[in-house]
Protein backbone atom coordinates (compact mmCIF):
# COMPACT_ATOMS: atom_id res chain seq x y z
CA MET A 1 0.33 -8.57 2.02
CA ALA A 2 -1.76 -6.35 -0.28
CA GLU A 3 -2.60 -9.42 -2.38
CA PHE A 4 -4.02 -11.19 0.69
CA TYR A 5 -6.36 -8.28 1.44
CA ARG A 6 -7.23 -7.84 -2.24
CA VAL A 7 -8.51 -11.42 -2.39
CA LYS A 8 -10.15 -11.29 1.07
CA ASN A 9 -12.12 -8.18 0.06
CA GLY A 10 -13.10 -9.40 -3.40
CA CYS A 11 -11.15 -6.73 -5.29
CA SER A 12 -10.09 -7.07 -8.91
CA THR A 13 -6.43 -6.88 -9.93
CA ASN A 14 -7.05 -3.47 -11.53
CA THR A 15 -5.57 -0.54 -9.64
CA GLN A 16 -5.94 3.19 -9.72
CA PRO A 17 -3.44 5.76 -8.38
CA TYR A 18 -4.15 6.85 -4.83
CA PRO A 19 -4.87 10.62 -4.93
CA GLY A 20 -1.85 12.65 -3.91
CA ARG A 21 0.45 9.64 -3.40
CA SER A 22 2.34 8.58 -6.51
CA GLU A 23 3.83 5.54 -4.72
CA CYS A 24 0.38 4.26 -3.63
CA LYS A 25 -2.42 2.49 -5.49
CA THR A 26 -5.99 1.36 -4.69
CA TYR A 27 -7.53 -1.86 -5.98
CA GLN A 28 -10.81 -1.51 -7.87
CA GLY A 29 -14.03 -3.53 -7.68
CA CYS A 30 -13.83 -4.46 -4.00
CA SER A 31 -16.82 -5.74 -2.04
CA ALA A 32 -19.25 -3.08 -0.82
CA GLY A 33 -17.65 -1.01 1.92
CA ALA A 34 -14.16 -2.41 1.37
CA GLU A 35 -11.13 -0.52 0.12
CA VAL A 36 -7.62 -1.92 -0.28
CA SER A 37 -4.75 0.47 -0.88
CA PHE A 38 -1.02 -0.19 -0.84
CA CYS A 39 2.22 1.74 -1.26
CA THR A 40 5.34 0.32 -2.87
CA HIS A 41 8.89 1.11 -1.79
CA ASN A 42 12.38 -0.35 -1.85
CA TRP A 43 13.27 0.19 1.80
CA GLY A 44 13.73 -2.49 4.44
CA TYR A 45 14.26 -6.15 3.69
CA GLY A 46 13.11 -6.81 0.17
CA GLY A 47 13.13 -9.78 -2.14
CA ASN A 48 16.89 -9.55 -2.57
CA GLY A 49 17.48 -9.69 1.21
CA SER A 50 19.22 -6.32 1.37
CA SER A 51 18.25 -3.67 3.87
CA ASN A 52 18.93 -0.69 1.59
CA GLY A 53 20.36 0.97 4.70
CA ALA A 54 17.02 0.96 6.49
CA GLY A 55 17.21 -2.29 8.44
CA HIS A 56 13.71 -2.80 9.73
CA GLY A 57 12.91 0.82 9.10
CA TYR A 58 10.23 2.33 6.93
CA PRO A 59 10.24 4.84 4.07
CA SER A 60 10.16 8.53 4.91
CA PHE A 61 6.70 8.91 3.32
CA THR A 62 5.07 6.33 5.62
CA ALA A 63 3.60 8.59 8.31
CA ASP A 64 2.14 11.06 5.81
CA ALA A 65 0.78 8.31 3.54
CA PHE A 66 -0.75 6.44 6.48
CA TRP A 67 -2.54 9.56 7.67
CA ASP A 68 -3.73 10.41 4.14
CA ILE A 69 -5.28 6.96 3.85
CA ILE A 70 -6.99 6.74 7.27
CA GLU A 71 -8.12 10.35 7.79
CA ASP A 72 -11.32 9.66 5.81
CA TYR A 73 -12.43 6.92 8.24
């Protein structure tokens, strides 16, 4: 999904760590006013089809990371 928004917002493939979130990155060189960030994890249904015990859950850092990303807007 991050790739879709990277392309849609004209970002380069270069990333930079998201401040304070080691599991998150922000694409560089996006169109004016656009920012695309993403966080990687191995919870939920991944490429190998396993649930890693989470089913359709989300990683424990999700709520904090989401707030960290949107609180500036």
